Amino acid sequence: MNRKKNVLIPFEKSILFFASKYNCEFYGYQLAKDMDIKKSTKVGTMYRALNRLVKMGYLSVRWEEPREAEKRSSLHSPQRKLYRLA
């Protein structure tokens, strides 16, 4: 799909709308649940859109610290990629 540089598509606008409801950082699975995205292909599309939004400067991203992951679960949970409106 040919896209104009820095022009948001409707799905990206929806992501930003849902992201604006969080008062803190959020992670992809949380966003997918809130947006009611159930099919794995749509989830993959969402992660690609999140990466585009980061590159365009709409979102900032960081990896969760290992200590934060340990606090969440006594099991060895993988670190989450955390997003926030920029």
N, C-alpha and C. Protein backbone atom coordinates (compact mmCIF):
# COMPACT_ATOMS: atom_id res chain seq x y z
N MET A 1 0.85 -1.17 0.00
CA MET A 1 0.00 0.00 0.00
C MET A 1 0.89 1.24 0.00
N ASN A 2 0.68 2.12 -0.92
CA ASN A 2 1.42 3.39 -0.95
C ASN A 2 0.79 4.35 0.04
N ARG A 3 1.63 4.91 0.87
CA ARG A 3 1.14 5.82 1.90
C ARG A 3 1.88 7.13 1.81
N LYS A 4 1.16 8.18 2.13
CA LYS A 4 1.81 9.48 2.24
C LYS A 4 2.57 9.50 3.56
N LYS A 5 3.74 10.09 3.52
CA LYS A 5 4.56 10.15 4.71
C LYS A 5 3.86 10.95 5.81
N ASN A 6 3.88 10.41 7.01
CA ASN A 6 3.31 11.05 8.21
C ASN A 6 1.82 11.31 8.13
N VAL A 7 1.09 10.55 7.32
CA VAL A 7 -0.36 10.64 7.27
C VAL A 7 -0.92 9.41 7.97
N LEU A 8 -1.76 9.63 8.96
CA LEU A 8 -2.33 8.52 9.73
C LEU A 8 -3.49 7.87 8.99
N ILE A 9 -3.54 6.54 9.07
CA ILE A 9 -4.69 5.82 8.53
C ILE A 9 -5.70 5.65 9.68
N PRO A 10 -6.96 5.34 9.38
CA PRO A 10 -7.98 5.25 10.44
C PRO A 10 -7.61 4.32 11.60
N PHE A 11 -6.98 3.17 11.32
CA PHE A 11 -6.61 2.24 12.39
C PHE A 11 -5.60 2.89 13.35
N GLU A 12 -4.65 3.64 12.81
CA GLU A 12 -3.67 4.34 13.66
C GLU A 12 -4.35 5.42 14.49
N LYS A 13 -5.33 6.09 13.92
CA LYS A 13 -6.09 7.09 14.68
C LYS A 13 -6.85 6.42 15.82
N SER A 14 -7.39 5.23 15.57
CA SER A 14 -8.09 4.48 16.63
C SER A 14 -7.13 4.11 17.75
N ILE A 15 -5.93 3.68 17.39
CA ILE A 15 -4.93 3.34 18.41
C ILE A 15 -4.63 4.56 19.27
N LEU A 16 -4.43 5.71 18.64
CA LEU A 16 -4.14 6.93 19.40
C LEU A 16 -5.32 7.33 20.28
N PHE A 17 -6.55 7.11 19.80
CA PHE A 17 -7.73 7.40 20.62
C PHE A 17 -7.72 6.55 21.88
N PHE A 18 -7.50 5.24 21.73
CA PHE A 18 -7.47 4.36 22.90
C PHE A 18 -6.28 4.69 23.79
N ALA A 19 -5.13 5.00 23.19
CA ALA A 19 -3.94 5.34 23.97
C ALA A 19 -4.17 6.59 24.81
N SER A 20 -4.99 7.51 24.31
CA SER A 20 -5.25 8.75 25.05
C SER A 20 -6.07 8.50 26.31
N LYS A 21 -6.71 7.35 26.41
CA LYS A 21 -7.50 7.03 27.60
C LYS A 21 -6.65 6.53 28.77
N TYR A 22 -5.41 6.11 28.46
CA TYR A 22 -4.52 5.64 29.51
C TYR A 22 -3.81 6.83 30.14
N ASN A 23 -3.74 6.84 31.45
CA ASN A 23 -3.01 7.89 32.16
C ASN A 23 -1.58 7.46 32.45
N CYS A 24 -1.20 6.33 31.93
CA CYS A 24 0.13 5.80 32.18
C CYS A 24 0.56 4.99 30.96
N GLU A 25 1.66 4.28 31.11
CA GLU A 25 2.14 3.44 30.01
C GLU A 25 1.18 2.26 29.80
N PHE A 26 1.20 1.75 28.60
CA PHE A 26 0.38 0.58 28.27
C PHE A 26 1.20 -0.36 27.41
N TYR A 27 0.74 -1.59 27.34
CA TYR A 27 1.44 -2.58 26.52
C TYR A 27 0.49 -3.10 25.45
N GLY A 28 1.06 -3.72 24.43
CA GLY A 28 0.29 -4.10 23.25
C GLY A 28 -0.90 -5.00 23.54
N TYR A 29 -0.71 -6.04 24.37
CA TYR A 29 -1.82 -6.97 24.64
C TYR A 29 -2.96 -6.25 25.34
N GLN A 30 -2.63 -5.35 26.24
CA GLN A 30 -3.66 -4.55 26.94
C GLN A 30 -4.46 -3.73 25.92
N LEU A 31 -3.77 -3.11 25.00
CA LEU A 31 -4.43 -2.31 23.96
C LEU A 31 -5.32 -3.19 23.08
N ALA A 32 -4.81 -4.36 22.70
CA ALA A 32 -5.59 -5.28 21.85
C ALA A 32 -6.87 -5.70 22.56
N LYS A 33 -6.80 -5.97 23.87
CA LYS A 33 -8.00 -6.34 24.62
C LYS A 33 -8.98 -5.18 24.66
N ASP A 34 -8.48 -3.97 24.93
CA ASP A 34 -9.36 -2.80 25.02
C ASP A 34 -10.00 -2.46 23.68
N MET A 35 -9.27 -2.70 22.59
CA MET A 35 -9.81 -2.43 21.25
C MET A 35 -10.61 -3.62 20.73
N ASP A 36 -10.68 -4.69 21.52
CA ASP A 36 -11.42 -5.91 21.16
C ASP A 36 -10.88 -6.53 19.86
N ILE A 37 -9.55 -6.59 19.77
CA ILE A 37 -8.90 -7.21 18.62
C ILE A 37 -8.65 -8.67 18.98
N LYS A 38 -9.26 -9.57 18.22
CA LYS A 38 -9.17 -10.98 18.58
C LYS A 38 -8.37 -11.83 17.61
N LYS A 39 -8.36 -11.52 16.35
CA LYS A 39 -7.66 -12.35 15.38
C LYS A 39 -6.17 -12.03 15.39
N SER A 40 -5.36 -13.06 15.27
CA SER A 40 -3.91 -12.87 15.34
C SER A 40 -3.40 -11.96 14.22
N THR A 41 -4.03 -12.00 13.05
CA THR A 41 -3.58 -11.13 11.96
C THR A 41 -3.82 -9.67 12.31
N LYS A 42 -4.92 -9.39 12.98
CA LYS A 42 -5.20 -8.01 13.38
C LYS A 42 -4.24 -7.56 14.48
N VAL A 43 -3.86 -8.49 15.36
CA VAL A 43 -2.90 -8.15 16.41
C VAL A 43 -1.55 -7.82 15.78
N GLY A 44 -1.13 -8.58 14.79
CA GLY A 44 0.12 -8.30 14.08
C GLY A 44 0.08 -6.94 13.41
N THR A 45 -1.06 -6.61 12.82
CA THR A 45 -1.25 -5.30 12.20
C THR A 45 -1.14 -4.20 13.25
N MET A 46 -1.68 -4.45 14.43
CA MET A 46 -1.64 -3.46 15.50
C MET A 46 -0.19 -3.18 15.91
N TYR A 47 0.63 -4.23 16.05
CA TYR A 47 2.03 -4.02 16.44
C TYR A 47 2.81 -3.27 15.36
N ARG A 48 2.52 -3.55 14.10
CA ARG A 48 3.17 -2.77 13.03
C ARG A 48 2.74 -1.31 13.09
N ALA A 49 1.46 -1.07 13.38
CA ALA A 49 0.95 0.30 13.49
C ALA A 49 1.59 1.00 14.70
N LEU A 50 1.75 0.29 15.82
CA LEU A 50 2.41 0.88 16.98
C LEU A 50 3.83 1.31 16.64
N ASN A 51 4.54 0.45 15.91
CA ASN A 51 5.92 0.80 15.51
C ASN A 51 5.94 2.02 14.60
N ARG A 52 4.98 2.12 13.68
CA ARG A 52 4.90 3.30 12.81
C ARG A 52 4.64 4.56 13.64
N LEU A 53 3.73 4.45 14.62
CA LEU A 53 3.41 5.60 15.46
C LEU A 53 4.61 6.05 16.29
N VAL A 54 5.43 5.09 16.70
CA VAL A 54 6.66 5.44 17.42
C VAL A 54 7.60 6.18 16.47
N LYS A 55 7.77 5.65 15.26
CA LYS A 55 8.67 6.29 14.29
C LYS A 55 8.20 7.69 13.91
N MET A 56 6.87 7.90 13.89
CA MET A 56 6.33 9.22 13.55
C MET A 56 6.37 10.18 14.73
N GLY A 57 6.68 9.66 15.93
CA GLY A 57 6.79 10.52 17.09
C GLY A 57 5.52 10.68 17.91
N TYR A 58 4.47 9.93 17.59
CA TYR A 58 3.22 10.02 18.36
C TYR A 58 3.30 9.26 19.67
N LEU A 59 4.09 8.19 19.69
CA LEU A 59 4.25 7.37 20.88
C LEU A 59 5.72 7.26 21.24
N SER A 60 5.98 7.11 22.53
CA SER A 60 7.33 6.75 22.97
C SER A 60 7.25 5.31 23.46
N VAL A 61 8.39 4.65 23.50
CA VAL A 61 8.40 3.23 23.87
C VAL A 61 9.63 2.93 24.71
N ARG A 62 9.49 1.97 25.61
CA ARG A 62 10.62 1.48 26.40
C ARG A 62 10.33 0.04 26.78
N TRP A 63 11.39 -0.69 27.08
CA TRP A 63 11.22 -2.05 27.58
C TRP A 63 11.03 -2.00 29.08
N GLU A 64 10.14 -2.83 29.57
CA GLU A 64 9.91 -2.96 31.00
C GLU A 64 11.19 -3.46 31.66
N GLU A 65 11.51 -2.92 32.81
CA GLU A 65 12.69 -3.36 33.56
C GLU A 65 12.44 -4.77 34.11
N PRO A 66 13.49 -5.59 34.22
CA PRO A 66 13.31 -6.95 34.75
C PRO A 66 12.64 -6.96 36.13
N ARG A 67 12.96 -5.98 36.97
CA ARG A 67 12.34 -5.92 38.31
C ARG A 67 10.84 -5.71 38.21
N GLU A 68 10.40 -4.89 37.24
CA GLU A 68 8.97 -4.65 37.06
C GLU A 68 8.26 -5.94 36.65
N ALA A 69 8.89 -6.72 35.77
CA ALA A 69 8.31 -7.98 35.31
C ALA A 69 8.22 -8.97 36.48
N GLU A 70 9.24 -8.98 37.34
CA GLU A 70 9.22 -9.87 38.49
C GLU A 70 8.13 -9.49 39.47
N LYS A 71 7.87 -8.20 39.64
CA LYS A 71 6.81 -7.75 40.55
C LYS A 71 5.43 -8.20 40.06
N ARG A 72 5.26 -8.22 38.73
CA ARG A 72 3.98 -8.60 38.14
C ARG A 72 3.65 -10.05 38.37
N SER A 73 4.66 -10.89 38.37
CA SER A 73 4.43 -12.32 38.42
C SER A 73 5.58 -13.01 39.12
N SER A 74 5.24 -14.03 39.91
CA SER A 74 6.29 -14.80 40.56
C SER A 74 6.98 -15.70 39.54
N LEU A 75 6.32 -16.00 38.44
CA LEU A 75 6.94 -16.75 37.36
C LEU A 75 7.86 -15.83 36.58
N HIS A 76 8.69 -16.39 35.77
CA HIS A 76 9.59 -15.57 34.96
C HIS A 76 8.85 -15.05 33.73
N SER A 77 8.15 -13.95 33.91
CA SER A 77 7.40 -13.35 32.81
C SER A 77 8.35 -12.59 31.90
N PRO A 78 8.09 -12.63 30.60
CA PRO A 78 8.94 -11.85 29.70
C PRO A 78 8.69 -10.35 29.92
N GLN A 79 9.69 -9.57 29.60
CA GLN A 79 9.54 -8.13 29.71
C GLN A 79 8.56 -7.64 28.64
N ARG A 80 7.80 -6.61 28.98
CA ARG A 80 6.85 -6.02 28.06
C ARG A 80 7.44 -4.77 27.42
N LYS A 81 7.00 -4.50 26.22
CA LYS A 81 7.32 -3.25 25.56
C LYS A 81 6.22 -2.29 25.97
N LEU A 82 6.58 -1.20 26.61
CA LEU A 82 5.59 -0.25 27.14
C LEU A 82 5.55 0.99 26.28
N TYR A 83 4.33 1.42 25.96
CA TYR A 83 4.10 2.58 25.11
C TYR A 83 3.47 3.69 25.91
N ARG A 84 3.65 4.91 25.45
CA ARG A 84 3.04 6.10 26.08
C ARG A 84 2.89 7.16 25.00
N LEU A 85 1.83 7.95 25.11
CA LEU A 85 1.69 9.07 24.17
C LEU A 85 2.88 10.00 24.37
N ALA A 86 3.43 10.44 23.27
CA ALA A 86 4.61 11.33 23.34
C ALA A 86 4.19 12.76 23.56
